Amino acid sequence: MEWYWWVLIGVGVVVIGILKMKVWRMLQSRKNNKMIDDEDMD
């Protein structure tokens, strides 16, 4: 394979990793907010 395919694959892996981290943080934030809201209801 040409070198630029390896570069594209590397960039794709990095982008997917960044997106996964952002989604995971968003879900964690949402879960924390839900727990805080549930405590406020009591």
C-alpha atoms as a PDB file:
ATOM      1  CA  MET A   1       0.000   0.000   0.000  1.00  0.00           C
ATOM      2  CA  GLU A   2       1.097   3.546  -0.586  1.00  0.00           C
ATOM      3  CA  TRP A   3       2.206   5.616   2.389  1.00  0.00           C
ATOM      4  CA  TYR A   4      -0.805   7.957   2.206  1.00  0.00           C
ATOM      5  CA  TRP A   5      -3.191   5.063   2.906  1.00  0.00           C
ATOM      6  CA  TRP A   6      -1.373   4.431   6.182  1.00  0.00           C
ATOM      7  CA  VAL A   7      -1.636   8.150   6.995  1.00  0.00           C
ATOM      8  CA  LEU A   8      -5.398   8.119   6.240  1.00  0.00           C
ATOM      9  CA  ILE A   9      -5.884   5.017   8.390  1.00  0.00           C
ATOM     10  CA  GLY A  10      -3.950   6.629  11.246  1.00  0.00           C
ATOM     11  CA  VAL A  11      -5.949   9.851  11.026  1.00  0.00           C
ATOM     12  CA  GLY A  12      -9.195   7.860  10.944  1.00  0.00           C
ATOM     13  CA  VAL A  13      -8.244   5.892  14.061  1.00  0.00           C
ATOM     14  CA  VAL A  14      -7.355   9.099  15.907  1.00  0.00           C
ATOM     15  CA  VAL A  15     -10.606  10.820  14.865  1.00  0.00           C
ATOM     16  CA  ILE A  16     -12.703   7.820  15.916  1.00  0.00           C
ATOM     17  CA  GLY A  17     -10.880   7.714  19.262  1.00  0.00           C
ATOM     18  CA  ILE A  18     -11.542  11.420  19.876  1.00  0.00           C
ATOM     19  CA  LEU A  19     -15.231  11.023  19.000  1.00  0.00           C
ATOM     20  CA  LYS A  20     -15.540   8.026  21.347  1.00  0.00           C
ATOM     21  CA  MET A  21     -13.990  10.032  24.196  1.00  0.00           C
ATOM     22  CA  LYS A  22     -16.357  12.961  23.572  1.00  0.00           C
ATOM     23  CA  VAL A  23     -19.430  10.689  23.504  1.00  0.00           C
ATOM     24  CA  TRP A  24     -18.252   8.839  26.638  1.00  0.00           C
ATOM     25  CA  ARG A  25     -17.722  12.109  28.510  1.00  0.00           C
ATOM     26  CA  MET A  26     -21.141  13.367  27.389  1.00  0.00           C
ATOM     27  CA  LEU A  27     -22.796  10.161  28.639  1.00  0.00           C
ATOM     28  CA  GLN A  28     -20.906  10.346  31.952  1.00  0.00           C
ATOM     29  CA  SER A  29     -21.942  13.985  32.363  1.00  0.00           C
ATOM     30  CA  ARG A  30     -25.557  13.115  31.605  1.00  0.00           C
ATOM     31  CA  LYS A  31     -25.466  10.237  34.108  1.00  0.00           C
ATOM     32  CA  ASN A  32     -23.999  12.503  36.807  1.00  0.00           C
ATOM     33  CA  ASN A  33     -26.630  15.156  36.143  1.00  0.00           C
ATOM     34  CA  LYS A  34     -29.384  12.529  36.365  1.00  0.00           C
ATOM     35  CA  MET A  35     -28.028  11.295  39.700  1.00  0.00           C
ATOM     36  CA  ILE A  36     -27.922  14.857  41.026  1.00  0.00           C
ATOM     37  CA  ASP A  37     -31.507  15.438  39.826  1.00  0.00           C
ATOM     38  CA  ASP A  38     -32.665  12.199  41.492  1.00  0.00           C
ATOM     39  CA  GLU A  39     -31.091  13.297  44.790  1.00  0.00           C
ATOM     40  CA  ASP A  40     -32.863  16.665  44.539  1.00  0.00           C
ATOM     41  CA  MET A  41     -36.228  14.922  44.141  1.00  0.00           C
ATOM     42  CA  ASP A  42     -35.872  13.123  47.495  1.00  0.00           C
END
